[in-house]
Structures are given as C-alpha cells and as structure tokens.
C-alpha atoms as a PDB file:
ATOM      1  CA  MET A   1       4.176  64.995 149.946  1.00  0.00           C
ATOM      2  CA  ASP A   2       7.864  65.426 150.723  1.00  0.00           C
ATOM      3  CA  LEU A   3       8.133  67.610 153.822  1.00  0.00           C
ATOM      4  CA  GLY A   4      11.743  68.496 153.075  1.00  0.00           C
ATOM      5  CA  LEU A   5      12.992  67.291 156.456  1.00  0.00           C
ATOM      6  CA  ARG A   6      15.815  65.028 155.303  1.00  0.00           C
ATOM      7  CA  ASP A   7      19.085  65.780 157.112  1.00  0.00           C
ATOM      8  CA  ARG A   8      17.577  68.663 159.044  1.00  0.00           C
ATOM      9  CA  VAL A   9      18.277  68.775 162.775  1.00  0.00           C
ATOM     10  CA  TYR A  10      15.785  69.452 165.568  1.00  0.00           C
ATOM     11  CA  VAL A  11      15.886  69.621 169.323  1.00  0.00           C
ATOM     12  CA  VAL A  12      12.928  67.806 170.916  1.00  0.00           C
ATOM     13  CA  THR A  13      12.465  68.490 174.611  1.00  0.00           C
ATOM     14  CA  GLY A  14      10.399  66.026 176.582  1.00  0.00           C
ATOM     15  CA  GLY A  15      11.266  63.718 173.707  1.00  0.00           C
ATOM     16  CA  THR A  16      11.434  60.372 175.489  1.00  0.00           C
ATOM     17  CA  ARG A  17       7.749  59.622 175.985  1.00  0.00           C
ATOM     18  CA  GLY A  18       4.238  60.728 175.162  1.00  0.00           C
ATOM     19  CA  LEU A  19       3.748  63.533 172.685  1.00  0.00           C
ATOM     20  CA  GLY A  20       7.427  64.510 172.547  1.00  0.00           C
ATOM     21  CA  LEU A  21       8.491  60.997 171.554  1.00  0.00           C
ATOM     22  CA  ALA A  22       5.666  60.785 169.015  1.00  0.00           C
ATOM     23  CA  CYS A  23       6.960  63.965 167.385  1.00  0.00           C
ATOM     24  CA  ALA A  24      10.550  62.712 167.423  1.00  0.00           C
ATOM     25  CA  ARG A  25       9.429  59.493 165.705  1.00  0.00           C
ATOM     26  CA  GLN A  26       7.744  61.429 162.917  1.00  0.00           C
ATOM     27  CA  LEU A  27      10.737  63.698 162.381  1.00  0.00           C
ATOM     28  CA  VAL A  28      13.149  60.771 162.176  1.00  0.00           C
ATOM     29  CA  GLY A  29      10.731  58.905 159.929  1.00  0.00           C
ATOM     30  CA  GLU A  30      10.911  61.846 157.512  1.00  0.00           C
ATOM     31  CA  GLY A  31      14.711  61.747 157.497  1.00  0.00           C
ATOM     32  CA  ALA A  32      15.494  64.366 160.137  1.00  0.00           C
ATOM     33  CA  ARG A  33      17.911  63.993 163.037  1.00  0.00           C
ATOM     34  CA  VAL A  34      16.954  64.833 166.575  1.00  0.00           C
ATOM     35  CA  VAL A  35      18.390  65.654 169.962  1.00  0.00           C
ATOM     36  CA  VAL A  36      15.947  64.458 172.604  1.00  0.00           C
ATOM     37  CA  SER A  37      16.059  65.726 176.161  1.00  0.00           C
ATOM     38  CA  ALA A  38      14.376  64.646 179.371  1.00  0.00           C
ATOM     39  CA  ARG A  39      15.182  64.385 183.062  1.00  0.00           C
ATOM     40  CA  ASP A  40      15.354  60.574 183.133  1.00  0.00           C
ATOM     41  CA  GLN A  41      18.510  58.937 181.746  1.00  0.00           C
ATOM     42  CA  GLN A  42      16.832  55.554 181.338  1.00  0.00           C
ATOM     43  CA  GLY A  43      14.077  57.115 179.266  1.00  0.00           C
ATOM     44  CA  ILE A  44      16.681  58.878 177.137  1.00  0.00           C
ATOM     45  CA  ASP A  45      18.552  55.635 176.500  1.00  0.00           C
ATOM     46  CA  GLU A  46      15.359  53.837 175.490  1.00  0.00           C
ATOM     47  CA  ALA A  47      14.246  56.637 173.170  1.00  0.00           C
ATOM     48  CA  VAL A  48      17.623  56.850 171.431  1.00  0.00           C
ATOM     49  CA  ALA A  49      17.670  53.068 171.007  1.00  0.00           C
ATOM     50  CA  GLU A  50      14.232  53.213 169.368  1.00  0.00           C
ATOM     51  CA  LEU A  51      15.025  56.195 167.131  1.00  0.00           C
ATOM     52  CA  GLY A  52      18.483  54.900 166.181  1.00  0.00           C
ATOM     53  CA  SER A  53      21.830  56.211 167.355  1.00  0.00           C
ATOM     54  CA  THR A  54      22.676  57.577 163.898  1.00  0.00           C
ATOM     55  CA  ASN A  55      19.483  59.651 163.930  1.00  0.00           C
ATOM     56  CA  ALA A  56      19.241  60.661 167.574  1.00  0.00           C
ATOM     57  CA  VAL A  57      21.264  61.700 170.569  1.00  0.00           C
ATOM     58  CA  GLY A  58      19.981  62.215 174.091  1.00  0.00           C
ATOM     59  CA  VAL A  59      20.793  64.889 176.652  1.00  0.00           C
ATOM     60  CA  PRO A  60      19.625  64.787 180.287  1.00  0.00           C
ATOM     61  CA  ALA A  61      18.012  68.132 181.077  1.00  0.00           C
ATOM     62  CA  ASP A  62      15.535  69.663 183.494  1.00  0.00           C
ATOM     63  CA  LEU A  63      14.001  72.740 181.855  1.00  0.00           C
ATOM     64  CA  SER A  64      13.632  74.442 185.213  1.00  0.00           C
ATOM     65  CA  ASP A  65      17.452  74.628 185.211  1.00  0.00           C
ATOM     66  CA  ALA A  66      18.492  77.933 183.628  1.00  0.00           C
ATOM     67  CA  SER A  67      21.453  76.302 181.852  1.00  0.00           C
ATOM     68  CA  ALA A  68      19.534  73.360 180.369  1.00  0.00           C
ATOM     69  CA  ALA A  69      18.376  74.993 177.128  1.00  0.00           C
ATOM     70  CA  GLU A  70      21.862  76.115 176.107  1.00  0.00           C
ATOM     71  CA  ARG A  71      23.289  72.660 176.849  1.00  0.00           C
ATOM     72  CA  VAL A  72      20.699  70.857 174.740  1.00  0.00           C
ATOM     73  CA  VAL A  73      21.108  73.229 171.808  1.00  0.00           C
ATOM     74  CA  ALA A  74      24.915  73.034 172.024  1.00  0.00           C
ATOM     75  CA  ALA A  75      24.683  69.244 171.901  1.00  0.00           C
ATOM     76  CA  ALA A  76      22.723  69.416 168.648  1.00  0.00           C
ATOM     77  CA  VAL A  77      25.284  71.652 166.972  1.00  0.00           C
ATOM     78  CA  ALA A  78      28.215  69.613 168.320  1.00  0.00           C
ATOM     79  CA  ARG A  79      26.760  66.282 167.177  1.00  0.00           C
ATOM     80  CA  PHE A  80      25.202  67.217 163.849  1.00  0.00           C
ATOM     81  CA  GLY A  81      26.857  70.534 162.938  1.00  0.00           C
ATOM     82  CA  ARG A  82      23.674  72.541 162.544  1.00  0.00           C
ATOM     83  CA  LEU A  83      20.241  73.279 163.994  1.00  0.00           C
ATOM     84  CA  ASP A  84      17.067  73.836 162.021  1.00  0.00           C
ATOM     85  CA  GLY A  85      14.492  74.089 164.772  1.00  0.00           C
ATOM     86  CA  ALA A  86      13.031  72.872 168.027  1.00  0.00           C
ATOM     87  CA  LEU A  87       9.935  71.105 169.255  1.00  0.00           C
ATOM     88  CA  VAL A  88       9.343  72.324 172.801  1.00  0.00           C
ATOM     89  CA  SER A  89       7.336  69.914 174.926  1.00  0.00           C
ATOM     90  CA  VAL A  90       7.262  70.097 178.713  1.00  0.00           C
ATOM     91  CA  GLY A  91       5.548  67.880 181.233  1.00  0.00           C
ATOM     92  CA  GLY A  92       2.070  68.909 182.243  1.00  0.00           C
ATOM     93  CA  PRO A  93       1.919  70.956 185.456  1.00  0.00           C
ATOM     94  CA  ALA A  94       0.419  69.617 188.653  1.00  0.00           C
ATOM     95  CA  ALA A  95      -3.319  69.293 189.106  1.00  0.00           C
ATOM     96  CA  GLY A  96      -5.138  71.669 191.439  1.00  0.00           C
ATOM     97  CA  THR A  97      -7.560  74.558 191.772  1.00  0.00           C
ATOM     98  CA  PRO A  98      -6.897  78.267 192.323  1.00  0.00           C
ATOM     99  CA  MET A  99      -7.657  77.941 196.033  1.00  0.00           C
ATOM    100  CA  THR A 100      -5.696  74.735 196.664  1.00  0.00           C
ATOM    101  CA  THR A 101      -2.539  75.338 194.605  1.00  0.00           C
ATOM    102  CA  ASP A 102       0.243  76.794 196.730  1.00  0.00           C
ATOM    103  CA  ASP A 103       2.861  79.358 195.743  1.00  0.00           C
ATOM    104  CA  GLU A 104       5.657  76.800 195.456  1.00  0.00           C
ATOM    105  CA  THR A 105       3.673  74.770 192.918  1.00  0.00           C
ATOM    106  CA  TRP A 106       3.052  77.918 190.896  1.00  0.00           C
ATOM    107  CA  ARG A 107       6.756  78.810 191.023  1.00  0.00           C
ATOM    108  CA  ILE A 108       7.889  75.372 189.879  1.00  0.00           C
ATOM    109  CA  SER A 109       5.264  75.294 187.127  1.00  0.00           C
ATOM    110  CA  PHE A 110       6.284  78.730 185.855  1.00  0.00           C
ATOM    111  CA  GLU A 111       9.983  77.794 185.807  1.00  0.00           C
ATOM    112  CA  THR A 112       9.299  74.683 183.725  1.00  0.00           C
ATOM    113  CA  VAL A 113       6.195  75.292 181.643  1.00  0.00           C
ATOM    114  CA  PHE A 114       6.716  78.958 180.789  1.00  0.00           C
ATOM    115  CA  LEU A 115      10.275  80.066 181.411  1.00  0.00           C
ATOM    116  CA  GLY A 116      11.800  76.703 180.505  1.00  0.00           C
ATOM    117  CA  ALA A 117       9.999  76.699 177.158  1.00  0.00           C
ATOM    118  CA  LEU A 118      10.992  80.297 176.439  1.00  0.00           C
ATOM    119  CA  ARG A 119      14.644  79.553 177.203  1.00  0.00           C
ATOM    120  CA  VAL A 120      14.665  76.682 174.705  1.00  0.00           C
ATOM    121  CA  ALA A 121      13.056  78.866 172.039  1.00  0.00           C
ATOM    122  CA  ARG A 122      15.627  81.634 172.577  1.00  0.00           C
ATOM    123  CA  ALA A 123      18.608  79.279 172.615  1.00  0.00           C
ATOM    124  CA  ALA A 124      17.440  77.456 169.493  1.00  0.00           C
ATOM    125  CA  ALA A 125      16.746  80.684 167.604  1.00  0.00           C
ATOM    126  CA  ASN A 126      20.210  81.996 168.426  1.00  0.00           C
ATOM    127  CA  ALA A 127      21.804  78.786 167.127  1.00  0.00           C
ATOM    128  CA  MET A 128      20.063  78.820 163.753  1.00  0.00           C
ATOM    129  CA  THR A 129      22.828  80.281 161.645  1.00  0.00           C
ATOM    130  CA  THR A 130      22.460  78.213 158.475  1.00  0.00           C
ATOM    131  CA  PRO A 131      21.729  80.160 155.260  1.00  0.00           C
ATOM    132  CA  PRO A 132      18.039  80.484 154.382  1.00  0.00           C
ATOM    133  CA  ASP A 133      16.646  77.710 152.219  1.00  0.00           C
ATOM    134  CA  SER A 134      16.984  78.818 148.599  1.00  0.00           C
ATOM    135  CA  LEU A 135      13.382  77.998 147.783  1.00  0.00           C
ATOM    136  CA  THR A 136      11.415  79.120 150.817  1.00  0.00           C
ATOM    137  CA  GLY A 137      13.723  81.616 152.488  1.00  0.00           C
ATOM    138  CA  SER A 138      13.018  79.833 155.770  1.00  0.00           C
ATOM    139  CA  GLU A 139      15.944  79.379 158.130  1.00  0.00           C
ATOM    140  CA  GLY A 140      14.180  77.413 160.798  1.00  0.00           C
ATOM    141  CA  SER A 141      11.105  76.671 162.808  1.00  0.00           C
ATOM    142  CA  LEU A 142      10.060  76.580 166.443  1.00  0.00           C
ATOM    143  CA  LEU A 143       6.988  74.705 167.619  1.00  0.00           C
ATOM    144  CA  LEU A 144       5.637  74.809 171.166  1.00  0.00           C
ATOM    145  CA  ILE A 145       3.293  72.096 172.398  1.00  0.00           C
ATOM    146  CA  LEU A 146       0.659  73.910 174.410  1.00  0.00           C
ATOM    147  CA  SER A 147      -2.742  72.632 175.588  1.00  0.00           C
ATOM    148  CA  SER A 148      -6.413  73.216 174.948  1.00  0.00           C
ATOM    149  CA  SER A 149      -6.181  75.250 178.182  1.00  0.00           C
ATOM    150  CA  SER A 150      -4.572  77.934 176.019  1.00  0.00           C
ATOM    151  CA  LYS A 151      -8.104  78.765 174.869  1.00  0.00           C
ATOM    152  CA  GLU A 152     -10.582  77.072 177.178  1.00  0.00           C
ATOM    153  CA  LEU A 153     -10.641  76.211 180.860  1.00  0.00           C
ATOM    154  CA  VAL A 154      -9.638  72.671 181.822  1.00  0.00           C
ATOM    155  CA  ALA A 155     -11.178  71.855 185.192  1.00  0.00           C
ATOM    156  CA  GLY A 156      -8.691  70.849 187.871  1.00  0.00           C
ATOM    157  CA  LEU A 157      -5.581  72.040 186.003  1.00  0.00           C
ATOM    158  CA  THR A 158      -5.307  75.582 187.326  1.00  0.00           C
ATOM    159  CA  THR A 159      -1.579  76.047 186.683  1.00  0.00           C
ATOM    160  CA  SER A 160      -2.063  75.018 183.069  1.00  0.00           C
ATOM    161  CA  ASN A 161      -5.042  77.383 182.776  1.00  0.00           C
ATOM    162  CA  GLY A 162      -2.893  80.180 184.149  1.00  0.00           C
ATOM    163  CA  LEU A 163       0.317  79.612 182.198  1.00  0.00           C
ATOM    164  CA  ARG A 164      -0.575  78.142 178.813  1.00  0.00           C
ATOM    165  CA  PRO A 165      -2.511  81.180 177.499  1.00  0.00           C
ATOM    166  CA  GLY A 166       0.515  83.373 178.231  1.00  0.00           C
ATOM    167  CA  LEU A 167       2.779  80.928 176.431  1.00  0.00           C
ATOM    168  CA  ALA A 168       0.412  80.920 173.461  1.00  0.00           C
ATOM    169  CA  MET A 169       0.726  84.707 173.284  1.00  0.00           C
ATOM    170  CA  MET A 170       4.498  84.309 173.500  1.00  0.00           C
ATOM    171  CA  VAL A 171       4.280  82.268 170.287  1.00  0.00           C
ATOM    172  CA  LYS A 172       2.791  85.337 168.602  1.00  0.00           C
ATOM    173  CA  ASP A 173       5.404  87.622 170.142  1.00  0.00           C
ATOM    174  CA  LEU A 174       8.305  85.403 169.085  1.00  0.00           C
ATOM    175  CA  ALA A 175       6.855  85.045 165.577  1.00  0.00           C
ATOM    176  CA  ASP A 176       6.901  88.836 165.243  1.00  0.00           C
ATOM    177  CA  GLU A 177      10.447  89.167 166.523  1.00  0.00           C
ATOM    178  CA  LEU A 178      12.015  86.250 164.650  1.00  0.00           C
ATOM    179  CA  GLY A 179      10.155  86.482 161.354  1.00  0.00           C
ATOM    180  CA  GLY A 180      12.701  88.903 159.927  1.00  0.00           C
ATOM    181  CA  ARG A 181      15.364  86.255 160.464  1.00  0.00           C
ATOM    182  CA  GLY A 182      13.352  83.681 158.535  1.00  0.00           C
ATOM    183  CA  ILE A 183      12.412  81.741 161.662  1.00  0.00           C
ATOM    184  CA  ARG A 184       8.807  80.625 161.961  1.00  0.00           C
ATOM    185  CA  VAL A 185       7.177  80.129 165.364  1.00  0.00           C
ATOM    186  CA  ASN A 186       3.959  78.199 165.925  1.00  0.00           C
ATOM    187  CA  GLY A 187       2.057  76.420 168.675  1.00  0.00           C
ATOM    188  CA  ILE A 188       0.063  73.224 168.699  1.00  0.00           C
ATOM    189  CA  MET A 189      -2.819  72.511 171.094  1.00  0.00           C
ATOM    190  CA  PRO A 190      -3.413  68.844 171.842  1.00  0.00           C
ATOM    191  CA  GLY A 191      -6.846  67.879 172.991  1.00  0.00           C
ATOM    192  CA  ARG A 192      -7.530  64.504 174.601  1.00  0.00           C
ATOM    193  CA  LEU A 193      -4.817  62.210 173.303  1.00  0.00           C
ATOM    194  CA  ALA A 194      -4.159  58.665 174.466  1.00  0.00           C
ATOM    195  CA  THR A 195      -1.049  59.261 176.576  1.00  0.00           C
ATOM    196  CA  ASP A 196      -0.100  58.013 180.023  1.00  0.00           C
ATOM    197  CA  ARG A 197      -0.643  61.508 181.401  1.00  0.00           C
ATOM    198  CA  MET A 198      -4.158  61.683 179.973  1.00  0.00           C
ATOM    199  CA  PHE A 199      -5.010  58.308 181.463  1.00  0.00           C
ATOM    200  CA  ALA A 200      -3.638  59.451 184.835  1.00  0.00           C
ATOM    201  CA  ILE A 201      -5.805  62.583 184.699  1.00  0.00           C
ATOM    202  CA  ASP A 202      -8.830  60.432 183.884  1.00  0.00           C
ATOM    203  CA  ALA A 203      -8.068  58.147 186.833  1.00  0.00           C
ATOM    204  CA  ARG A 204      -8.150  61.088 189.247  1.00  0.00           C
ATOM    205  CA  LEU A 205     -11.675  61.938 188.137  1.00  0.00           C
ATOM    206  CA  GLY A 206     -13.250  58.515 188.693  1.00  0.00           C
ATOM    207  CA  ALA A 207     -13.349  55.132 186.980  1.00  0.00           C
ATOM    208  CA  PRO A 208     -11.018  55.630 183.960  1.00  0.00           C
ATOM    209  CA  ASP A 209     -13.204  53.817 181.419  1.00  0.00           C
ATOM    210  CA  MET A 210     -16.289  55.751 182.471  1.00  0.00           C
ATOM    211  CA  VAL A 211     -14.408  59.067 182.417  1.00  0.00           C
ATOM    212  CA  ARG A 212     -13.029  58.304 178.971  1.00  0.00           C
ATOM    213  CA  ARG A 213     -16.452  57.452 177.552  1.00  0.00           C
ATOM    214  CA  ARG A 214     -17.849  60.689 178.998  1.00  0.00           C
ATOM    215  CA  ASN A 215     -15.014  62.709 177.518  1.00  0.00           C
ATOM    216  CA  GLU A 216     -15.297  61.024 174.134  1.00  0.00           C
ATOM    217  CA  SER A 217     -18.976  61.937 173.970  1.00  0.00           C
ATOM    218  CA  ALA A 218     -17.918  65.616 173.910  1.00  0.00           C
ATOM    219  CA  ILE A 219     -15.468  65.121 171.010  1.00  0.00           C
ATOM    220  CA  PRO A 220     -17.042  65.393 167.537  1.00  0.00           C
ATOM    221  CA  LEU A 221     -14.842  62.573 166.211  1.00  0.00           C
ATOM    222  CA  GLY A 222     -15.959  60.451 169.149  1.00  0.00           C
ATOM    223  CA  ARG A 223     -12.571  59.207 170.346  1.00  0.00           C
ATOM    224  CA  TYR A 224      -9.263  60.133 171.932  1.00  0.00           C
ATOM    225  CA  GLY A 225      -6.534  60.926 169.447  1.00  0.00           C
ATOM    226  CA  GLU A 226      -3.323  58.933 169.108  1.00  0.00           C
ATOM    227  CA  PRO A 227       0.026  60.623 169.880  1.00  0.00           C
ATOM    228  CA  ASP A 228       1.253  59.928 166.348  1.00  0.00           C
ATOM    229  CA  GLU A 229      -1.677  61.916 164.954  1.00  0.00           C
ATOM    230  CA  LEU A 230      -0.303  64.971 166.702  1.00  0.00           C
ATOM    231  CA  GLY A 231       3.250  64.015 165.680  1.00  0.00           C
ATOM    232  CA  LYS A 232       2.338  64.188 162.002  1.00  0.00           C
ATOM    233  CA  VAL A 233       0.917  67.694 162.349  1.00  0.00           C
ATOM    234  CA  ALA A 234       3.997  68.753 164.328  1.00  0.00           C
ATOM    235  CA  ALA A 235       6.372  67.395 161.676  1.00  0.00           C
ATOM    236  CA  PHE A 236       4.525  69.387 159.014  1.00  0.00           C
ATOM    237  CA  LEU A 237       4.596  72.633 161.002  1.00  0.00           C
ATOM    238  CA  LEU A 238       8.334  72.246 161.652  1.00  0.00           C
ATOM    239  CA  SER A 239       9.079  71.453 158.022  1.00  0.00           C
ATOM    240  CA  PRO A 240       9.799  73.682 155.010  1.00  0.00           C
ATOM    241  CA  ALA A 241       6.454  72.477 153.623  1.00  0.00           C
ATOM    242  CA  ALA A 242       4.828  74.887 156.110  1.00  0.00           C
ATOM    243  CA  SER A 243       7.019  77.760 154.954  1.00  0.00           C
ATOM    244  CA  TYR A 244       4.252  80.400 155.159  1.00  0.00           C
ATOM    245  CA  VAL A 245       2.751  79.319 158.474  1.00  0.00           C
ATOM    246  CA  SER A 246       3.897  81.379 161.447  1.00  0.00           C
ATOM    247  CA  GLY A 247       2.299  82.802 164.566  1.00  0.00           C
ATOM    248  CA  SER A 248      -0.434  80.148 164.407  1.00  0.00           C
ATOM    249  CA  ILE A 249      -1.871  78.040 167.230  1.00  0.00           C
ATOM    250  CA  VAL A 250      -3.161  74.813 165.699  1.00  0.00           C
ATOM    251  CA  PRO A 251      -5.600  72.552 167.604  1.00  0.00           C
ATOM    252  CA  VAL A 252      -5.286  68.786 167.243  1.00  0.00           C
ATOM    253  CA  ASP A 253      -8.312  67.752 169.260  1.00  0.00           C
ATOM    254  CA  GLY A 254     -10.883  65.978 167.092  1.00  0.00           C
ATOM    255  CA  GLY A 255     -13.000  69.142 167.011  1.00  0.00           C
ATOM    256  CA  MET A 256     -13.289  69.405 170.796  1.00  0.00           C
ATOM    257  CA  LEU A 257     -12.643  73.147 171.156  1.00  0.00           C
ATOM    258  CA  ARG A 258     -15.798  75.200 170.751  1.00  0.00           C
ATOM    259  CA  SER A 259     -14.024  78.429 169.786  1.00  0.00           C
ATOM    260  CA  PHE A 260     -11.870  79.563 166.887  1.00  0.00           C
END
C-alpha cells in the first residue's frame, strides 16, 4: 500500500535514537523528508548521516525550552518549504514513586513531557498552511508518542503515570480543535519495546535477562517489540492513508494492555 508520504515534510522530536529515530527511518523510507531534533549535537549528526542529508536536517533543541518548538518548526519550513505534520517523542521521565519523587523532578518532567509536547503540537499546527489534499481533505497530521502508562499503572515510573494520561486526553482535545482545519491528531502507546531505555529500566529492577523473561511472559505475543514495528504504525497514522483516523490512542504492545 502506498502511504502517500512522498515529498511530505515532518518534524520528528527525539528523532536521533530509540523510537523517534525508528519513526524517522520509516518516514524517510516512504519518501518523506524530516527535521529531527534532540539535545545532543553528536546524535543529530549521526542521525542525519544515516537518514541522508537530502532527506533530513537536524536541529538541536531541548523541549523544556519555551522557544524550542518554534525553532524546530521554522527550520522545517525554511529547509523544505512546507510542513505536513509532526511526530512528537520526548525522553521518558525519571523513575520514582509518589513518595520519593521531589517537586523539582515533577517540574522538569512537566516542562518536557507535557508542556514541551504541547508546544510542538501547537507550533506545527500553526505552520500547516498547505492546501488540503484534493483526495482526502487532510492538511496534516500530529502524532504523540505516549506510553502504556496512559492507561495502566507502570510501577516505579510515577511521573509518567501522572503526566501521560493527561497528554493522552490532550490528544482528544487537540483533535476536536484542529479537525475543522483538516489536521488529524492521534497518540501511540508503546508497550515493551527493545530500546536502550527499556533495557535500562529492566536493569534497575534486577538481572536484565531475568526481568525481560518475566516481562515477556505477560505479553501475549511473548516477546519485546522492535522499534521499527512501532515506526511502521506511526508512519501509517501520520500518512494520508489514515485520513479518517483522528483522536485515537493506538497501542503497539503485543497485546500487553488488559483494557480497551
């Protein structure tokens, strides 16, 4: 199936490693162009080299900085002359429990995970000025990478448990507000995917191999997912092929979530 992504332009935050990079790879593989952002210049350089300098440009940005979203979006328009959407991925917040997580950790997590993501969504939506696609009437698409903590508690990740459900509801709110402009807004909930962050979380809970086997026993498909498996779903949701999908939160978790 042709996703209709050729020559479309997307901002991908957190796009130099893990799930963000996996999504950027899929978009470029389908013919799109991307602007990847991250805090680390070396990571940006490596990601752009992998994706190809004709297909990708990198912008250093910390989403806790109030000006970062506008700068990243402006770079996309300046480099490629248009913007068709954004994949918003932010680093996972610090581990902790409600009683051990201090106010400063909550403040930093809110600035990045919640407010940073919302700023990118607003800036990207305001920059989508291209005429609606003649076939689908869809101007653009926003996709927020959330977490299974949007629906179910993840032990030891209290800031994620506190912030992700609110961000998931923001997906619904934005979908309502932007739908009249032909902009679709969706969320994606990764389960246990084989990323460096997931392995680091496992290592905090005991012997990594033992923790992984225990976790895999609770996943109906019996394994951790690969980042590219999420990237393929993300590319579809961002594409014109998903022209009637908006306000949805889609799990990519091998069947792990026990609720709808």
